[in-house]
Amino acid sequence: EKQTDLARRAAREFDSIPLRKQVR
């Protein structure tokens, strides 16, 4: 659960959809 939460929070820092998905 923590790893999923970290992935979601980090992804929200980016605007572009491809980069957001790659980070998540």
mmCIF file of all heavy atoms, coordinates in Angstrom:
data_MODEL
# 
_entry.id   MODEL 
# 
loop_
_atom_site.group_PDB 
_atom_site.id 
_atom_site.type_symbol 
_atom_site.label_atom_id 
_atom_site.label_alt_id 
_atom_site.label_comp_id 
_atom_site.label_asym_id 
_atom_site.label_entity_id 
_atom_site.label_seq_id 
_atom_site.pdbx_PDB_ins_code 
_atom_site.Cartn_x 
_atom_site.Cartn_y 
_atom_site.Cartn_z 
_atom_site.occupancy 
_atom_site.B_iso_or_equiv 
_atom_site.pdbx_formal_charge 
_atom_site.auth_seq_id 
_atom_site.auth_comp_id 
_atom_site.auth_asym_id 
_atom_site.auth_atom_id 
_atom_site.pdbx_PDB_model_num 
ATOM 1   N N   . GLU A 1 1  ? 0.827  -1.212 0.000   1.00 0.00 ? 1  GLU A N   1 
ATOM 2   C CA  . GLU A 1 1  ? 0.000  0.000  0.000   1.00 0.00 ? 1  GLU A CA  1 
ATOM 3   C C   . GLU A 1 1  ? 0.857  1.256  0.000   1.00 0.00 ? 1  GLU A C   1 
ATOM 4   O O   . GLU A 1 1  ? 0.527  2.243  -0.670  1.00 0.00 ? 1  GLU A O   1 
ATOM 5   C CB  . GLU A 1 1  ? -0.930 -0.014 1.213   1.00 0.00 ? 1  GLU A CB  1 
ATOM 6   C CG  . GLU A 1 1  ? -2.020 -1.084 1.138   1.00 0.00 ? 1  GLU A CG  1 
ATOM 7   C CD  . GLU A 1 1  ? -2.857 -1.135 2.401   1.00 0.00 ? 1  GLU A CD  1 
ATOM 8   O OE1 . GLU A 1 1  ? -2.586 -0.321 3.326   1.00 0.00 ? 1  GLU A OE1 1 
ATOM 9   O OE2 . GLU A 1 1  ? -3.771 -1.983 2.464   1.00 0.00 ? 1  GLU A OE2 1 
ATOM 10  N N   . LYS A 1 2  ? 1.952  1.232  0.748   1.00 0.00 ? 2  LYS A N   1 
ATOM 11  C CA  . LYS A 1 2  ? 2.836  2.395  0.801   1.00 0.00 ? 2  LYS A CA  1 
ATOM 12  C C   . LYS A 1 2  ? 3.477  2.637  -0.555  1.00 0.00 ? 2  LYS A C   1 
ATOM 13  O O   . LYS A 1 2  ? 3.604  3.793  -1.003  1.00 0.00 ? 2  LYS A O   1 
ATOM 14  C CB  . LYS A 1 2  ? 3.922  2.174  1.862   1.00 0.00 ? 2  LYS A CB  1 
ATOM 15  C CG  . LYS A 1 2  ? 4.802  3.394  2.106   1.00 0.00 ? 2  LYS A CG  1 
ATOM 16  C CD  . LYS A 1 2  ? 4.004  4.526  2.727   1.00 0.00 ? 2  LYS A CD  1 
ATOM 17  C CE  . LYS A 1 2  ? 4.907  5.670  3.102   1.00 0.00 ? 2  LYS A CE  1 
ATOM 18  N NZ  . LYS A 1 2  ? 4.144  6.817  3.673   1.00 0.00 ? 2  LYS A NZ  1 
ATOM 19  N N   . GLN A 1 3  ? 3.901  1.581  -1.237  1.00 0.00 ? 3  GLN A N   1 
ATOM 20  C CA  . GLN A 1 3  ? 4.526  1.744  -2.547  1.00 0.00 ? 3  GLN A CA  1 
ATOM 21  C C   . GLN A 1 3  ? 3.531  2.310  -3.555  1.00 0.00 ? 3  GLN A C   1 
ATOM 22  O O   . GLN A 1 3  ? 3.867  3.193  -4.350  1.00 0.00 ? 3  GLN A O   1 
ATOM 23  C CB  . GLN A 1 3  ? 5.080  0.402  -3.036  1.00 0.00 ? 3  GLN A CB  1 
ATOM 24  C CG  . GLN A 1 3  ? 5.936  0.528  -4.292  1.00 0.00 ? 3  GLN A CG  1 
ATOM 25  C CD  . GLN A 1 3  ? 6.890  -0.642 -4.456  1.00 0.00 ? 3  GLN A CD  1 
ATOM 26  O OE1 . GLN A 1 3  ? 6.928  -1.548 -3.636  1.00 0.00 ? 3  GLN A OE1 1 
ATOM 27  N NE2 . GLN A 1 3  ? 7.669  -0.626 -5.513  1.00 0.00 ? 3  GLN A NE2 1 
ATOM 28  N N   . THR A 1 4  ? 2.294  1.839  -3.509  1.00 0.00 ? 4  THR A N   1 
ATOM 29  C CA  . THR A 1 4  ? 1.254  2.376  -4.392  1.00 0.00 ? 4  THR A CA  1 
ATOM 30  C C   . THR A 1 4  ? 1.003  3.848  -4.100  1.00 0.00 ? 4  THR A C   1 
ATOM 31  O O   . THR A 1 4  ? 0.858  4.665  -5.018  1.00 0.00 ? 4  THR A O   1 
ATOM 32  C CB  . THR A 1 4  ? -0.053 1.578  -4.223  1.00 0.00 ? 4  THR A CB  1 
ATOM 33  O OG1 . THR A 1 4  ? 0.169  0.216  -4.615  1.00 0.00 ? 4  THR A OG1 1 
ATOM 34  C CG2 . THR A 1 4  ? -1.166 2.167  -5.070  1.00 0.00 ? 4  THR A CG2 1 
ATOM 35  N N   . ASP A 1 5  ? 0.976  4.197  -2.826  1.00 0.00 ? 5  ASP A N   1 
ATOM 36  C CA  . ASP A 1 5  ? 0.742  5.595  -2.437  1.00 0.00 ? 5  ASP A CA  1 
ATOM 37  C C   . ASP A 1 5  ? 1.896  6.486  -2.902  1.00 0.00 ? 5  ASP A C   1 
ATOM 38  O O   . ASP A 1 5  ? 1.657  7.590  -3.418  1.00 0.00 ? 5  ASP A O   1 
ATOM 39  C CB  . ASP A 1 5  ? 0.578  5.683  -0.922  1.00 0.00 ? 5  ASP A CB  1 
ATOM 40  C CG  . ASP A 1 5  ? 0.364  7.110  -0.452  1.00 0.00 ? 5  ASP A CG  1 
ATOM 41  O OD1 . ASP A 1 5  ? -0.632 7.734  -0.871  1.00 0.00 ? 5  ASP A OD1 1 
ATOM 42  O OD2 . ASP A 1 5  ? 1.199  7.622  0.323   1.00 0.00 ? 5  ASP A OD2 1 
ATOM 43  N N   . LEU A 1 6  ? 3.131  6.021  -2.736  1.00 0.00 ? 6  LEU A N   1 
ATOM 44  C CA  . LEU A 1 6  ? 4.287  6.800  -3.184  1.00 0.00 ? 6  LEU A CA  1 
ATOM 45  C C   . LEU A 1 6  ? 4.257  6.999  -4.699  1.00 0.00 ? 6  LEU A C   1 
ATOM 46  O O   . LEU A 1 6  ? 4.585  8.081  -5.201  1.00 0.00 ? 6  LEU A O   1 
ATOM 47  C CB  . LEU A 1 6  ? 5.586  6.101  -2.771  1.00 0.00 ? 6  LEU A CB  1 
ATOM 48  C CG  . LEU A 1 6  ? 5.923  6.111  -1.282  1.00 0.00 ? 6  LEU A CG  1 
ATOM 49  C CD1 . LEU A 1 6  ? 7.115  5.206  -1.006  1.00 0.00 ? 6  LEU A CD1 1 
ATOM 50  C CD2 . LEU A 1 6  ? 6.206  7.525  -0.786  1.00 0.00 ? 6  LEU A CD2 1 
ATOM 51  N N   . ALA A 1 7  ? 3.857  5.958  -5.428  1.00 0.00 ? 7  ALA A N   1 
ATOM 52  C CA  . ALA A 1 7  ? 3.785  6.049  -6.888  1.00 0.00 ? 7  ALA A CA  1 
ATOM 53  C C   . ALA A 1 7  ? 2.745  7.081  -7.316  1.00 0.00 ? 7  ALA A C   1 
ATOM 54  O O   . ALA A 1 7  ? 2.994  7.904  -8.211  1.00 0.00 ? 7  ALA A O   1 
ATOM 55  C CB  . ALA A 1 7  ? 3.455  4.677  -7.474  1.00 0.00 ? 7  ALA A CB  1 
ATOM 56  N N   . ARG A 1 8  ? 1.599  7.056  -6.680  1.00 0.00 ? 8  ARG A N   1 
ATOM 57  C CA  . ARG A 1 8  ? 0.540  7.998  -7.035  1.00 0.00 ? 8  ARG A CA  1 
ATOM 58  C C   . ARG A 1 8  ? 0.937  9.430  -6.713  1.00 0.00 ? 8  ARG A C   1 
ATOM 59  O O   . ARG A 1 8  ? 0.721  10.348 -7.503  1.00 0.00 ? 8  ARG A O   1 
ATOM 60  C CB  . ARG A 1 8  ? -0.746 7.631  -6.286  1.00 0.00 ? 8  ARG A CB  1 
ATOM 61  C CG  . ARG A 1 8  ? -1.414 6.350  -6.802  1.00 0.00 ? 8  ARG A CG  1 
ATOM 62  C CD  . ARG A 1 8  ? -2.564 5.975  -5.908  1.00 0.00 ? 8  ARG A CD  1 
ATOM 63  N NE  . ARG A 1 8  ? -3.261 4.772  -6.399  1.00 0.00 ? 8  ARG A NE  1 
ATOM 64  C CZ  . ARG A 1 8  ? -4.149 4.092  -5.699  1.00 0.00 ? 8  ARG A CZ  1 
ATOM 65  N NH1 . ARG A 1 8  ? -4.461 4.482  -4.464  1.00 0.00 ? 8  ARG A NH1 1 
ATOM 66  N NH2 . ARG A 1 8  ? -4.733 3.015  -6.213  1.00 0.00 ? 8  ARG A NH2 1 
ATOM 67  N N   . ARG A 1 9  ? 1.522  9.631  -5.529  1.00 0.00 ? 9  ARG A N   1 
ATOM 68  C CA  . ARG A 1 9  ? 1.888  10.990 -5.127  1.00 0.00 ? 9  ARG A CA  1 
ATOM 69  C C   . ARG A 1 9  ? 2.984  11.559 -6.020  1.00 0.00 ? 9  ARG A C   1 
ATOM 70  O O   . ARG A 1 9  ? 2.949  12.739 -6.383  1.00 0.00 ? 9  ARG A O   1 
ATOM 71  C CB  . ARG A 1 9  ? 2.346  10.999 -3.666  1.00 0.00 ? 9  ARG A CB  1 
ATOM 72  C CG  . ARG A 1 9  ? 1.193  10.956 -2.675  1.00 0.00 ? 9  ARG A CG  1 
ATOM 73  C CD  . ARG A 1 9  ? 1.671  11.289 -1.284  1.00 0.00 ? 9  ARG A CD  1 
ATOM 74  N NE  . ARG A 1 9  ? 2.402  10.187 -0.686  1.00 0.00 ? 9  ARG A NE  1 
ATOM 75  C CZ  . ARG A 1 9  ? 3.423  10.336 0.151   1.00 0.00 ? 9  ARG A CZ  1 
ATOM 76  N NH1 . ARG A 1 9  ? 3.877  11.528 0.443   1.00 0.00 ? 9  ARG A NH1 1 
ATOM 77  N NH2 . ARG A 1 9  ? 4.011  9.280  0.679   1.00 0.00 ? 9  ARG A NH2 1 
ATOM 78  N N   . ALA A 1 10 ? 3.960  10.740 -6.373  1.00 0.00 ? 10 ALA A N   1 
ATOM 79  C CA  . ALA A 1 10 ? 5.040  11.208 -7.233  1.00 0.00 ? 10 ALA A CA  1 
ATOM 80  C C   . ALA A 1 10 ? 4.516  11.547 -8.627  1.00 0.00 ? 10 ALA A C   1 
ATOM 81  O O   . ALA A 1 10 ? 4.910  12.556 -9.228  1.00 0.00 ? 10 ALA A O   1 
ATOM 82  C CB  . ALA A 1 10 ? 6.141  10.152 -7.323  1.00 0.00 ? 10 ALA A CB  1 
ATOM 83  N N   . ALA A 1 11 ? 3.633  10.711 -9.141  1.00 0.00 ? 11 ALA A N   1 
ATOM 84  C CA  . ALA A 1 11 ? 3.101  10.926 -10.488 1.00 0.00 ? 11 ALA A CA  1 
ATOM 85  C C   . ALA A 1 11 ? 2.315  12.229 -10.577 1.00 0.00 ? 11 ALA A C   1 
ATOM 86  O O   . ALA A 1 11 ? 2.335  12.911 -11.617 1.00 0.00 ? 11 ALA A O   1 
ATOM 87  C CB  . ALA A 1 11 ? 2.215  9.748  -10.891 1.00 0.00 ? 11 ALA A CB  1 
ATOM 88  N N   . ARG A 1 12 ? 1.638  12.591 -9.501  1.00 0.00 ? 12 ARG A N   1 
ATOM 89  C CA  . ARG A 1 12 ? 0.828  13.811 -9.519  1.00 0.00 ? 12 ARG A CA  1 
ATOM 90  C C   . ARG A 1 12 ? 1.662  15.083 -9.646  1.00 0.00 ? 12 ARG A C   1 
ATOM 91  O O   . ARG A 1 12 ? 1.122  16.153 -9.944  1.00 0.00 ? 12 ARG A O   1 
ATOM 92  C CB  . ARG A 1 12 ? -0.040 13.890 -8.257  1.00 0.00 ? 12 ARG A CB  1 
ATOM 93  C CG  . ARG A 1 12 ? -1.233 12.941 -8.264  1.00 0.00 ? 12 ARG A CG  1 
ATOM 94  C CD  . ARG A 1 12 ? -2.278 13.371 -7.250  1.00 0.00 ? 12 ARG A CD  1 
ATOM 95  N NE  . ARG A 1 12 ? -1.774 13.284 -5.884  1.00 0.00 ? 12 ARG A NE  1 
ATOM 96  C CZ  . ARG A 1 12 ? -1.963 12.226 -5.087  1.00 0.00 ? 12 ARG A CZ  1 
ATOM 97  N NH1 . ARG A 1 12 ? -2.628 11.174 -5.533  1.00 0.00 ? 12 ARG A NH1 1 
ATOM 98  N NH2 . ARG A 1 12 ? -1.500 12.231 -3.848  1.00 0.00 ? 12 ARG A NH2 1 
ATOM 99  N N   . GLU A 1 13 ? 2.975  14.973 -9.443  1.00 0.00 ? 13 GLU A N   1 
ATOM 100 C CA  . GLU A 1 13 ? 3.849  16.138 -9.549  1.00 0.00 ? 13 GLU A CA  1 
ATOM 101 C C   . GLU A 1 13 ? 4.119  16.520 -11.010 1.00 0.00 ? 13 GLU A C   1 
ATOM 102 O O   . GLU A 1 13 ? 4.695  17.583 -11.266 1.00 0.00 ? 13 GLU A O   1 
ATOM 103 C CB  . GLU A 1 13 ? 5.179  15.864 -8.847  1.00 0.00 ? 13 GLU A CB  1 
ATOM 104 C CG  . GLU A 1 13 ? 5.054  15.627 -7.352  1.00 0.00 ? 13 GLU A CG  1 
ATOM 105 C CD  . GLU A 1 13 ? 4.508  16.844 -6.610  1.00 0.00 ? 13 GLU A CD  1 
ATOM 106 O OE1 . GLU A 1 13 ? 4.943  17.961 -6.916  1.00 0.00 ? 13 GLU A OE1 1 
ATOM 107 O OE2 . GLU A 1 13 ? 3.624  16.657 -5.744  1.00 0.00 ? 13 GLU A OE2 1 
ATOM 108 N N   . PHE A 1 14 ? 3.725  15.673 -11.947 1.00 0.00 ? 14 PHE A N   1 
ATOM 109 C CA  . PHE A 1 14 ? 4.017  15.906 -13.360 1.00 0.00 ? 14 PHE A CA  1 
ATOM 110 C C   . PHE A 1 14 ? 2.735  16.195 -14.132 1.00 0.00 ? 14 PHE A C   1 
ATOM 111 O O   . PHE A 1 14 ? 1.668  15.675 -13.825 1.00 0.00 ? 14 PHE A O   1 
ATOM 112 C CB  . PHE A 1 14 ? 4.742  14.696 -13.955 1.00 0.00 ? 14 PHE A CB  1 
ATOM 113 C CG  . PHE A 1 14 ? 6.078  14.440 -13.312 1.00 0.00 ? 14 PHE A CG  1 
ATOM 114 C CD1 . PHE A 1 14 ? 6.198  13.574 -12.238 1.00 0.00 ? 14 PHE A CD1 1 
ATOM 115 C CD2 . PHE A 1 14 ? 7.208  15.106 -13.769 1.00 0.00 ? 14 PHE A CD2 1 
ATOM 116 C CE1 . PHE A 1 14 ? 7.426  13.356 -11.626 1.00 0.00 ? 14 PHE A CE1 1 
ATOM 117 C CE2 . PHE A 1 14 ? 8.431  14.888 -13.168 1.00 0.00 ? 14 PHE A CE2 1 
ATOM 118 C CZ  . PHE A 1 14 ? 8.543  14.021 -12.093 1.00 0.00 ? 14 PHE A CZ  1 
ATOM 119 N N   . ASP A 1 15 ? 2.862  17.038 -15.162 1.00 0.00 ? 15 ASP A N   1 
ATOM 120 C CA  . ASP A 1 15 ? 1.708  17.461 -15.954 1.00 0.00 ? 15 ASP A CA  1 
ATOM 121 C C   . ASP A 1 15 ? 1.449  16.573 -17.163 1.00 0.00 ? 15 ASP A C   1 
ATOM 122 O O   . ASP A 1 15 ? 0.307  16.294 -17.503 1.00 0.00 ? 15 ASP A O   1 
ATOM 123 C CB  . ASP A 1 15 ? 1.904  18.906 -16.435 1.00 0.00 ? 15 ASP A CB  1 
ATOM 124 C CG  . ASP A 1 15 ? 1.941  19.888 -15.277 1.00 0.00 ? 15 ASP A CG  1 
ATOM 125 O OD1 . ASP A 1 15 ? 1.223  19.674 -14.289 1.00 0.00 ? 15 ASP A OD1 1 
ATOM 126 O OD2 . ASP A 1 15 ? 2.714  20.861 -15.360 1.00 0.00 ? 15 ASP A OD2 1 
ATOM 127 N N   . SER A 1 16 ? 2.525  16.151 -17.839 1.00 0.00 ? 16 SER A N   1 
ATOM 128 C CA  . SER A 1 16 ? 2.367  15.384 -19.076 1.00 0.00 ? 16 SER A CA  1 
ATOM 129 C C   . SER A 1 16 ? 1.965  13.942 -18.765 1.00 0.00 ? 16 SER A C   1 
ATOM 130 O O   . SER A 1 16 ? 2.538  13.291 -17.889 1.00 0.00 ? 16 SER A O   1 
ATOM 131 C CB  . SER A 1 16 ? 3.657  15.404 -19.893 1.00 0.00 ? 16 SER A CB  1 
ATOM 132 O OG  . SER A 1 16 ? 4.736  14.921 -19.124 1.00 0.00 ? 16 SER A OG  1 
ATOM 133 N N   . ILE A 1 17 ? 0.993  13.454 -19.505 1.00 0.00 ? 17 ILE A N   1 
ATOM 134 C CA  . ILE A 1 17 ? 0.437  12.127 -19.219 1.00 0.00 ? 17 ILE A CA  1 
ATOM 135 C C   . ILE A 1 17 ? 1.463  11.001 -19.415 1.00 0.00 ? 17 ILE A C   1 
ATOM 136 O O   . ILE A 1 17 ? 1.578  10.119 -18.563 1.00 0.00 ? 17 ILE A O   1 
ATOM 137 C CB  . ILE A 1 17 ? -0.813 11.881 -20.090 1.00 0.00 ? 17 ILE A CB  1 
ATOM 138 C CG1 . ILE A 1 17 ? -1.920 12.850 -19.665 1.00 0.00 ? 17 ILE A CG1 1 
ATOM 139 C CG2 . ILE A 1 17 ? -1.294 10.435 -19.962 1.00 0.00 ? 17 ILE A CG2 1 
ATOM 140 C CD1 . ILE A 1 17 ? -3.163 12.798 -20.528 1.00 0.00 ? 17 ILE A CD1 1 
ATOM 141 N N   . PRO A 1 18 ? 2.253  10.986 -20.515 1.00 0.00 ? 18 PRO A N   1 
ATOM 142 C CA  . PRO A 1 18 ? 3.215  9.884  -20.678 1.00 0.00 ? 18 PRO A CA  1 
ATOM 143 C C   . PRO A 1 18 ? 4.246  9.824  -19.546 1.00 0.00 ? 18 PRO A C   1 
ATOM 144 O O   . PRO A 1 18 ? 4.574  8.737  -19.061 1.00 0.00 ? 18 PRO A O   1 
ATOM 145 C CB  . PRO A 1 18 ? 3.876  10.194 -22.023 1.00 0.00 ? 18 PRO A CB  1 
ATOM 146 C CG  . PRO A 1 18 ? 2.869  11.011 -22.760 1.00 0.00 ? 18 PRO A CG  1 
ATOM 147 C CD  . PRO A 1 18 ? 2.215  11.847 -21.712 1.00 0.00 ? 18 PRO A CD  1 
ATOM 148 N N   . LEU A 1 19 ? 4.745  11.001 -19.108 1.00 0.00 ? 19 LEU A N   1 
ATOM 149 C CA  . LEU A 1 19 ? 5.722  11.013 -18.026 1.00 0.00 ? 19 LEU A CA  1 
ATOM 150 C C   . LEU A 1 19 ? 5.073  10.618 -16.711 1.00 0.00 ? 19 LEU A C   1 
ATOM 151 O O   . LEU A 1 19 ? 5.659  9.870  -15.911 1.00 0.00 ? 19 LEU A O   1 
ATOM 152 C CB  . LEU A 1 19 ? 6.363  12.394 -17.918 1.00 0.00 ? 19 LEU A CB  1 
ATOM 153 C CG  . LEU A 1 19 ? 7.422  12.563 -16.809 1.00 0.00 ? 19 LEU A CG  1 
ATOM 154 C CD1 . LEU A 1 19 ? 8.532  11.526 -16.950 1.00 0.00 ? 19 LEU A CD1 1 
ATOM 155 C CD2 . LEU A 1 19 ? 8.001  13.975 -16.845 1.00 0.00 ? 19 LEU A CD2 1 
ATOM 156 N N   . ARG A 1 20 ? 3.877  11.108 -16.472 1.00 0.00 ? 20 ARG A N   1 
ATOM 157 C CA  . ARG A 1 20 ? 3.167  10.756 -15.245 1.00 0.00 ? 20 ARG A CA  1 
ATOM 158 C C   . ARG A 1 20 ? 2.981  9.245  -15.146 1.00 0.00 ? 20 ARG A C   1 
ATOM 159 O O   . ARG A 1 20 ? 3.195  8.642  -14.090 1.00 0.00 ? 20 ARG A O   1 
ATOM 160 C CB  . ARG A 1 20 ? 1.812  11.457 -15.232 1.00 0.00 ? 20 ARG A CB  1 
ATOM 161 C CG  . ARG A 1 20 ? 1.065  11.360 -13.910 1.00 0.00 ? 20 ARG A CG  1 
ATOM 162 C CD  . ARG A 1 20 ? -0.330 11.957 -14.046 1.00 0.00 ? 20 ARG A CD  1 
ATOM 163 N NE  . ARG A 1 20 ? -0.295 13.320 -14.562 1.00 0.00 ? 20 ARG A NE  1 
ATOM 164 C CZ  . ARG A 1 20 ? -1.337 13.941 -15.064 1.00 0.00 ? 20 ARG A CZ  1 
ATOM 165 N NH1 . ARG A 1 20 ? -2.499 13.314 -15.159 1.00 0.00 ? 20 ARG A NH1 1 
ATOM 166 N NH2 . ARG A 1 20 ? -1.233 15.183 -15.488 1.00 0.00 ? 20 ARG A NH2 1 
ATOM 167 N N   . LYS A 1 21 ? 2.585  8.624  -16.252 1.00 0.00 ? 21 LYS A N   1 
ATOM 168 C CA  . LYS A 1 21 ? 2.380  7.170  -16.261 1.00 0.00 ? 21 LYS A CA  1 
ATOM 169 C C   . LYS A 1 21 ? 3.699  6.422  -16.062 1.00 0.00 ? 21 LYS A C   1 
ATOM 170 O O   . LYS A 1 21 ? 3.754  5.429  -15.333 1.00 0.00 ? 21 LYS A O   1 
ATOM 171 C CB  . LYS A 1 21 ? 1.733  6.738  -17.576 1.00 0.00 ? 21 LYS A CB  1 
ATOM 172 C CG  . LYS A 1 21 ? 1.418  5.246  -17.657 1.00 0.00 ? 21 LYS A CG  1 
ATOM 173 C CD  . LYS A 1 21 ? 0.763  4.889  -18.964 1.00 0.00 ? 21 LYS A CD  1 
ATOM 174 C CE  . LYS A 1 21 ? 0.349  3.416  -18.984 1.00 0.00 ? 21 LYS A CE  1 
ATOM 175 N NZ  . LYS A 1 21 ? 1.495  2.506  -18.767 1.00 0.00 ? 21 LYS A NZ  1 
ATOM 176 N N   . GLN A 1 22 ? 4.763  6.898  -16.696 1.00 0.00 ? 22 GLN A N   1 
ATOM 177 C CA  . GLN A 1 22 ? 6.060  6.238  -16.559 1.00 0.00 ? 22 GLN A CA  1 
ATOM 178 C C   . GLN A 1 22 ? 6.551  6.290  -15.117 1.00 0.00 ? 22 GLN A C   1 
ATOM 179 O O   . GLN A 1 22 ? 7.052  5.295  -14.572 1.00 0.00 ? 22 GLN A O   1 
ATOM 180 C CB  . GLN A 1 22 ? 7.087  6.903  -17.480 1.00 0.00 ? 22 GLN A CB  1 
ATOM 181 C CG  . GLN A 1 22 ? 8.414  6.152  -17.590 1.00 0.00 ? 22 GLN A CG  1 
ATOM 182 C CD  . GLN A 1 22 ? 8.278  4.860  -18.368 1.00 0.00 ? 22 GLN A CD  1 
ATOM 183 O OE1 . GLN A 1 22 ? 7.657  4.821  -19.420 1.00 0.00 ? 22 GLN A OE1 1 
ATOM 184 N NE2 . GLN A 1 22 ? 8.857  3.792  -17.849 1.00 0.00 ? 22 GLN A NE2 1 
ATOM 185 N N   . VAL A 1 23 ? 6.415  7.452  -14.489 1.00 0.00 ? 23 VAL A N   1 
ATOM 186 C CA  . VAL A 1 23 ? 6.831  7.598  -13.094 1.00 0.00 ? 23 VAL A CA  1 
ATOM 187 C C   . VAL A 1 23 ? 6.016  6.682  -12.188 1.00 0.00 ? 23 VAL A C   1 
ATOM 188 O O   . VAL A 1 23 ? 6.563  5.971  -11.340 1.00 0.00 ? 23 VAL A O   1 
ATOM 189 C CB  . VAL A 1 23 ? 6.696  9.077  -12.651 1.00 0.00 ? 23 VAL A CB  1 
ATOM 190 C CG1 . VAL A 1 23 ? 6.829  9.199  -11.132 1.00 0.00 ? 23 VAL A CG1 1 
ATOM 191 C CG2 . VAL A 1 23 ? 7.744  9.940  -13.340 1.00 0.00 ? 23 VAL A CG2 1 
ATOM 192 N N   . ARG A 1 24 ? 4.699  6.696  -12.366 1.00 0.00 ? 24 ARG A N   1 
ATOM 193 C CA  . ARG A 1 24 ? 3.837  5.869  -11.524 1.00 0.00 ? 24 ARG A CA  1 
ATOM 194 C C   . ARG A 1 24 ? 4.177  4.385  -11.673 1.00 0.00 ? 24 ARG A C   1 
ATOM 195 O O   . ARG A 1 24 ? 4.338  3.664  -10.680 1.00 0.00 ? 24 ARG A O   1 
ATOM 196 C CB  . ARG A 1 24 ? 2.370  6.110  -11.873 1.00 0.00 ? 24 ARG A CB  1 
ATOM 197 C CG  . ARG A 1 24 ? 1.401  5.353  -10.943 1.00 0.00 ? 24 ARG A CG  1 
ATOM 198 C CD  . ARG A 1 24 ? -0.045 5.477  -11.399 1.00 0.00 ? 24 ARG A CD  1 
ATOM 199 N NE  . ARG A 1 24 ? -0.254 4.822  -12.681 1.00 0.00 ? 24 ARG A NE  1 
ATOM 200 C CZ  . ARG A 1 24 ? -0.685 5.444  -13.780 1.00 0.00 ? 24 ARG A CZ  1 
ATOM 201 N NH1 . ARG A 1 24 ? -0.943 6.732  -13.759 1.00 0.00 ? 24 ARG A NH1 1 
ATOM 202 N NH2 . ARG A 1 24 ? -0.858 4.768  -14.899 1.00 0.00 ? 24 ARG A NH2 1 
# 
